[in-house]
């Protein structure tokens, strides 16, 4: 690590501590050349592979920004969005994978968003899952109704038959 003061190419670690949330390590370093001290923060990198093939670092801010659009006009607080962003990041890190696809990130968002606000969930899912027709919305709403009326079946991973509205069967 280069010294930020004199650009010496080396430094020694004086002290290491994990941060309060346990997601990173704070290191106090000292330059052997100018003897000045500075702090670095180490975090495990989490990379996202976009559809175009480009890889970029995971951004909790991008997750919150995308979800904020789905929550526009809904009674969702900034604090709730921040908690959702944290839950999504924790879920993605818990996979143990250093690289994830945008599809993985979208799936990680859907669960917490469904718990937060059903209308925002439908808005996000309609874009994420590329709903093309009204039937796509009707199917998603029917699945939500079934999961809310039989939460034990969904939690256990049971197969749920979704009733098709009479108008969709024609």
C-alpha atoms as a PDB file:
ATOM      1  CA  UNK A   1       0.000   0.000   0.000  1.00  0.00           C
ATOM      2  CA  UNK A   2       1.455   3.342  -1.049  1.00  0.00           C
ATOM      3  CA  UNK A   3       1.689   6.047   1.588  1.00  0.00           C
ATOM      4  CA  UNK A   4      -0.876   8.770   0.715  1.00  0.00           C
ATOM      5  CA  UNK A   5       1.532  11.465   2.007  1.00  0.00           C
ATOM      6  CA  UNK A   6       4.931  10.637   0.491  1.00  0.00           C
ATOM      7  CA  UNK A   7       3.940   7.877  -1.998  1.00  0.00           C
ATOM      8  CA  UNK A   8       6.433   5.424  -0.462  1.00  0.00           C
ATOM      9  CA  UNK A   9       5.549   2.011  -1.926  1.00  0.00           C
ATOM     10  CA  UNK A  10       5.312   0.220   1.408  1.00  0.00           C
ATOM     11  CA  UNK A  11       3.663   0.568   4.818  1.00  0.00           C
ATOM     12  CA  UNK A  12       3.292  -1.568   7.880  1.00  0.00           C
ATOM     13  CA  UNK A  13       0.111  -2.445   9.725  1.00  0.00           C
ATOM     14  CA  UNK A  14       0.058  -1.030  13.261  1.00  0.00           C
ATOM     15  CA  UNK A  15      -3.468  -2.119  14.252  1.00  0.00           C
ATOM     16  CA  UNK A  16      -6.352  -4.142  12.718  1.00  0.00           C
ATOM     17  CA  UNK A  17      -9.981  -4.198  13.834  1.00  0.00           C
ATOM     18  CA  UNK A  18     -13.230  -5.367  12.326  1.00  0.00           C
ATOM     19  CA  UNK A  19     -15.890  -2.719  11.851  1.00  0.00           C
ATOM     20  CA  UNK A  20     -19.017  -2.734  14.007  1.00  0.00           C
ATOM     21  CA  UNK A  21     -21.098  -4.457  11.329  1.00  0.00           C
ATOM     22  CA  UNK A  22     -18.365  -7.060  10.740  1.00  0.00           C
ATOM     23  CA  UNK A  23     -18.296  -6.586   6.973  1.00  0.00           C
ATOM     24  CA  UNK A  24     -14.877  -4.960   6.747  1.00  0.00           C
ATOM     25  CA  UNK A  25     -11.534  -4.576   8.495  1.00  0.00           C
ATOM     26  CA  UNK A  26     -10.084  -1.226   9.515  1.00  0.00           C
ATOM     27  CA  UNK A  27      -6.293  -1.116   9.445  1.00  0.00           C
ATOM     28  CA  UNK A  28      -4.014   1.587  10.891  1.00  0.00           C
ATOM     29  CA  UNK A  29      -0.826   1.757   8.857  1.00  0.00           C
ATOM     30  CA  UNK A  30       2.442   3.600   9.293  1.00  0.00           C
ATOM     31  CA  UNK A  31       4.835   4.636   6.557  1.00  0.00           C
ATOM     32  CA  UNK A  32       8.463   3.525   7.218  1.00  0.00           C
ATOM     33  CA  UNK A  33       9.743   6.521   5.237  1.00  0.00           C
ATOM     34  CA  UNK A  34       7.845   9.558   6.622  1.00  0.00           C
ATOM     35  CA  UNK A  35       6.441   7.833   9.779  1.00  0.00           C
ATOM     36  CA  UNK A  36       2.963   9.255   9.193  1.00  0.00           C
ATOM     37  CA  UNK A  37      -0.068   7.083   9.931  1.00  0.00           C
ATOM     38  CA  UNK A  38      -3.153   6.501   7.832  1.00  0.00           C
ATOM     39  CA  UNK A  39      -6.220   4.250   7.859  1.00  0.00           C
ATOM     40  CA  UNK A  40      -7.400   1.781   5.246  1.00  0.00           C
ATOM     41  CA  UNK A  41     -10.616  -0.205   5.115  1.00  0.00           C
ATOM     42  CA  UNK A  42     -10.689  -3.675   3.592  1.00  0.00           C
ATOM     43  CA  UNK A  43     -13.875  -5.286   2.326  1.00  0.00           C
ATOM     44  CA  UNK A  44     -14.467  -8.475   0.389  1.00  0.00           C
ATOM     45  CA  UNK A  45     -15.284  -7.574  -3.190  1.00  0.00           C
ATOM     46  CA  UNK A  46     -18.627  -8.606  -4.618  1.00  0.00           C
ATOM     47  CA  UNK A  47     -18.824  -8.296  -8.392  1.00  0.00           C
ATOM     48  CA  UNK A  48     -21.922  -8.194 -10.581  1.00  0.00           C
ATOM     49  CA  UNK A  49     -21.875  -9.505 -14.148  1.00  0.00           C
ATOM     50  CA  UNK A  50     -24.226  -7.423 -16.265  1.00  0.00           C
ATOM     51  CA  UNK A  51     -26.157  -8.731 -19.280  1.00  0.00           C
ATOM     52  CA  UNK A  52     -23.641  -7.096 -21.604  1.00  0.00           C
ATOM     53  CA  UNK A  53     -20.881  -9.166 -19.984  1.00  0.00           C
ATOM     54  CA  UNK A  54     -19.325  -6.173 -18.220  1.00  0.00           C
ATOM     55  CA  UNK A  55     -18.357  -6.817 -14.600  1.00  0.00           C
ATOM     56  CA  UNK A  56     -18.690  -4.092 -11.985  1.00  0.00           C
ATOM     57  CA  UNK A  57     -18.604  -3.898  -8.176  1.00  0.00           C
ATOM     58  CA  UNK A  58     -21.895  -4.513  -6.370  1.00  0.00           C
ATOM     59  CA  UNK A  59     -23.558  -1.254  -5.385  1.00  0.00           C
ATOM     60  CA  UNK A  60     -26.096  -1.155  -2.582  1.00  0.00           C
ATOM     61  CA  UNK A  61     -26.866   2.405  -3.732  1.00  0.00           C
ATOM     62  CA  UNK A  62     -27.937   1.087  -7.161  1.00  0.00           C
ATOM     63  CA  UNK A  63     -30.216  -1.479  -5.523  1.00  0.00           C
ATOM     64  CA  UNK A  64     -31.853   1.190  -3.376  1.00  0.00           C
ATOM     65  CA  UNK A  65     -32.186   3.529  -6.354  1.00  0.00           C
ATOM     66  CA  UNK A  66     -33.940   0.874  -8.437  1.00  0.00           C
ATOM     67  CA  UNK A  67     -36.274  -0.088  -5.624  1.00  0.00           C
ATOM     68  CA  UNK A  68     -36.986   3.593  -4.874  1.00  0.00           C
ATOM     69  CA  UNK A  69     -38.398   3.943  -8.411  1.00  0.00           C
ATOM     70  CA  UNK A  70     -40.748   1.018  -7.793  1.00  0.00           C
ATOM     71  CA  UNK A  71     -41.783   2.573  -4.460  1.00  0.00           C
ATOM     72  CA  UNK A  72     -42.532   6.012  -5.911  1.00  0.00           C
ATOM     73  CA  UNK A  73     -45.780   7.280  -4.433  1.00  0.00           C
ATOM     74  CA  UNK A  74     -45.933   4.427  -1.930  1.00  0.00           C
ATOM     75  CA  UNK A  75     -45.693   4.812   1.873  1.00  0.00           C
ATOM     76  CA  UNK A  76     -42.120   3.494   2.052  1.00  0.00           C
ATOM     77  CA  UNK A  77     -39.509   5.357   4.111  1.00  0.00           C
ATOM     78  CA  UNK A  78     -35.860   5.911   3.238  1.00  0.00           C
ATOM     79  CA  UNK A  79     -34.967   3.906   6.334  1.00  0.00           C
ATOM     80  CA  UNK A  80     -36.973   0.945   5.026  1.00  0.00           C
ATOM     81  CA  UNK A  81     -35.178   1.233   1.672  1.00  0.00           C
ATOM     82  CA  UNK A  82     -31.794   1.285   3.425  1.00  0.00           C
ATOM     83  CA  UNK A  83     -32.725  -1.843   5.406  1.00  0.00           C
ATOM     84  CA  UNK A  84     -33.868  -3.563   2.219  1.00  0.00           C
ATOM     85  CA  UNK A  85     -30.550  -2.689   0.559  1.00  0.00           C
ATOM     86  CA  UNK A  86     -28.674  -4.139   3.515  1.00  0.00           C
ATOM     87  CA  UNK A  87     -30.758  -7.333   3.465  1.00  0.00           C
ATOM     88  CA  UNK A  88     -30.135  -7.775  -0.255  1.00  0.00           C
ATOM     89  CA  UNK A  89     -26.389  -7.297   0.149  1.00  0.00           C
ATOM     90  CA  UNK A  90     -26.255  -9.700   3.110  1.00  0.00           C
ATOM     91  CA  UNK A  91     -28.211 -12.320   1.155  1.00  0.00           C
ATOM     92  CA  UNK A  92     -25.877 -11.982  -1.822  1.00  0.00           C
ATOM     93  CA  UNK A  93     -22.753 -12.196   0.346  1.00  0.00           C
ATOM     94  CA  UNK A  94     -24.216 -15.237   2.123  1.00  0.00           C
ATOM     95  CA  UNK A  95     -24.175 -17.120  -1.192  1.00  0.00           C
ATOM     96  CA  UNK A  96     -20.395 -17.264  -0.857  1.00  0.00           C
ATOM     97  CA  UNK A  97     -19.945 -16.341  -4.493  1.00  0.00           C
ATOM     98  CA  UNK A  98     -17.602 -13.479  -5.435  1.00  0.00           C
ATOM     99  CA  UNK A  99     -19.387 -12.922  -8.766  1.00  0.00           C
ATOM    100  CA  UNK A 100     -23.126 -12.759  -9.290  1.00  0.00           C
ATOM    101  CA  UNK A 101     -25.317 -11.968 -12.269  1.00  0.00           C
ATOM    102  CA  UNK A 102     -27.820  -9.137 -12.422  1.00  0.00           C
ATOM    103  CA  UNK A 103     -30.444 -11.901 -12.434  1.00  0.00           C
ATOM    104  CA  UNK A 104     -29.195 -13.066  -9.016  1.00  0.00           C
ATOM    105  CA  UNK A 105     -29.386  -9.513  -7.697  1.00  0.00           C
ATOM    106  CA  UNK A 106     -32.954  -9.119  -8.996  1.00  0.00           C
ATOM    107  CA  UNK A 107     -34.034 -12.362  -7.336  1.00  0.00           C
ATOM    108  CA  UNK A 108     -32.472 -11.210  -4.056  1.00  0.00           C
ATOM    109  CA  UNK A 109     -34.493  -7.977  -4.259  1.00  0.00           C
ATOM    110  CA  UNK A 110     -37.889  -9.578  -4.930  1.00  0.00           C
ATOM    111  CA  UNK A 111     -38.294 -11.348  -1.562  1.00  0.00           C
ATOM    112  CA  UNK A 112     -37.616  -8.394   0.745  1.00  0.00           C
ATOM    113  CA  UNK A 113     -39.542  -6.048  -1.564  1.00  0.00           C
ATOM    114  CA  UNK A 114     -42.582  -8.320  -1.463  1.00  0.00           C
ATOM    115  CA  UNK A 115     -42.515  -8.093   2.350  1.00  0.00           C
ATOM    116  CA  UNK A 116     -42.082  -4.314   2.211  1.00  0.00           C
ATOM    117  CA  UNK A 117     -44.811  -3.299  -0.257  1.00  0.00           C
ATOM    118  CA  UNK A 118     -46.867  -5.474  -2.612  1.00  0.00           C
ATOM    119  CA  UNK A 119     -47.578  -2.722  -5.134  1.00  0.00           C
ATOM    120  CA  UNK A 120     -43.886  -1.810  -5.340  1.00  0.00           C
ATOM    121  CA  UNK A 121     -43.120  -5.526  -5.657  1.00  0.00           C
ATOM    122  CA  UNK A 122     -45.473  -5.823  -8.657  1.00  0.00           C
ATOM    123  CA  UNK A 123     -43.960  -2.727 -10.267  1.00  0.00           C
ATOM    124  CA  UNK A 124     -40.418  -4.066  -9.841  1.00  0.00           C
ATOM    125  CA  UNK A 125     -41.377  -7.601 -10.902  1.00  0.00           C
ATOM    126  CA  UNK A 126     -43.152  -6.288 -14.003  1.00  0.00           C
ATOM    127  CA  UNK A 127     -39.897  -4.747 -15.222  1.00  0.00           C
ATOM    128  CA  UNK A 128     -37.561  -7.437 -13.883  1.00  0.00           C
ATOM    129  CA  UNK A 129     -39.608 -10.331 -15.237  1.00  0.00           C
ATOM    130  CA  UNK A 130     -40.537  -8.372 -18.395  1.00  0.00           C
ATOM    131  CA  UNK A 131     -44.315  -8.619 -18.134  1.00  0.00           C
ATOM    132  CA  UNK A 132     -45.791  -8.270 -21.626  1.00  0.00           C
ATOM    133  CA  UNK A 133     -49.505  -8.735 -21.100  1.00  0.00           C
ATOM    134  CA  UNK A 134     -52.256  -8.161 -18.583  1.00  0.00           C
ATOM    135  CA  UNK A 135     -52.270 -11.920 -18.015  1.00  0.00           C
ATOM    136  CA  UNK A 136     -48.714 -11.663 -16.670  1.00  0.00           C
ATOM    137  CA  UNK A 137     -49.972  -9.190 -14.056  1.00  0.00           C
ATOM    138  CA  UNK A 138     -53.038 -11.328 -13.300  1.00  0.00           C
ATOM    139  CA  UNK A 139     -50.851 -14.401 -12.777  1.00  0.00           C
ATOM    140  CA  UNK A 140     -48.492 -12.496 -10.470  1.00  0.00           C
ATOM    141  CA  UNK A 141     -51.416 -11.103  -8.465  1.00  0.00           C
ATOM    142  CA  UNK A 142     -53.012 -14.559  -8.211  1.00  0.00           C
ATOM    143  CA  UNK A 143     -49.684 -15.980  -6.944  1.00  0.00           C
ATOM    144  CA  UNK A 144     -49.478 -13.214  -4.346  1.00  0.00           C
ATOM    145  CA  UNK A 145     -53.031 -13.894  -3.187  1.00  0.00           C
ATOM    146  CA  UNK A 146     -52.298 -17.615  -2.827  1.00  0.00           C
ATOM    147  CA  UNK A 147     -49.028 -17.006  -0.977  1.00  0.00           C
ATOM    148  CA  UNK A 148     -50.753 -14.598   1.425  1.00  0.00           C
ATOM    149  CA  UNK A 149     -53.626 -16.996   2.124  1.00  0.00           C
ATOM    150  CA  UNK A 150     -51.362 -20.091   2.471  1.00  0.00           C
ATOM    151  CA  UNK A 151     -47.983 -18.843   3.728  1.00  0.00           C
ATOM    152  CA  UNK A 152     -47.065 -22.240   5.198  1.00  0.00           C
ATOM    153  CA  UNK A 153     -47.248 -23.917   1.763  1.00  0.00           C
ATOM    154  CA  UNK A 154     -45.001 -21.318   0.174  1.00  0.00           C
ATOM    155  CA  UNK A 155     -42.473 -21.389   3.005  1.00  0.00           C
ATOM    156  CA  UNK A 156     -42.199 -25.149   2.736  1.00  0.00           C
ATOM    157  CA  UNK A 157     -41.732 -24.933  -1.013  1.00  0.00           C
ATOM    158  CA  UNK A 158     -44.932 -26.803  -1.816  1.00  0.00           C
ATOM    159  CA  UNK A 159     -46.485 -26.575  -5.239  1.00  0.00           C
ATOM    160  CA  UNK A 160     -49.366 -24.161  -5.332  1.00  0.00           C
ATOM    161  CA  UNK A 161     -52.025 -24.311  -8.011  1.00  0.00           C
ATOM    162  CA  UNK A 162     -52.831 -20.817  -9.192  1.00  0.00           C
ATOM    163  CA  UNK A 163     -56.461 -20.421 -10.216  1.00  0.00           C
ATOM    164  CA  UNK A 164     -56.776 -18.950 -13.704  1.00  0.00           C
ATOM    165  CA  UNK A 165     -59.420 -16.212 -13.912  1.00  0.00           C
ATOM    166  CA  UNK A 166     -62.326 -17.079 -16.224  1.00  0.00           C
ATOM    167  CA  UNK A 167     -61.470 -14.134 -18.474  1.00  0.00           C
ATOM    168  CA  UNK A 168     -57.892 -15.425 -18.982  1.00  0.00           C
ATOM    169  CA  UNK A 169     -59.079 -18.924 -19.894  1.00  0.00           C
ATOM    170  CA  UNK A 170     -60.929 -17.678 -23.003  1.00  0.00           C
END
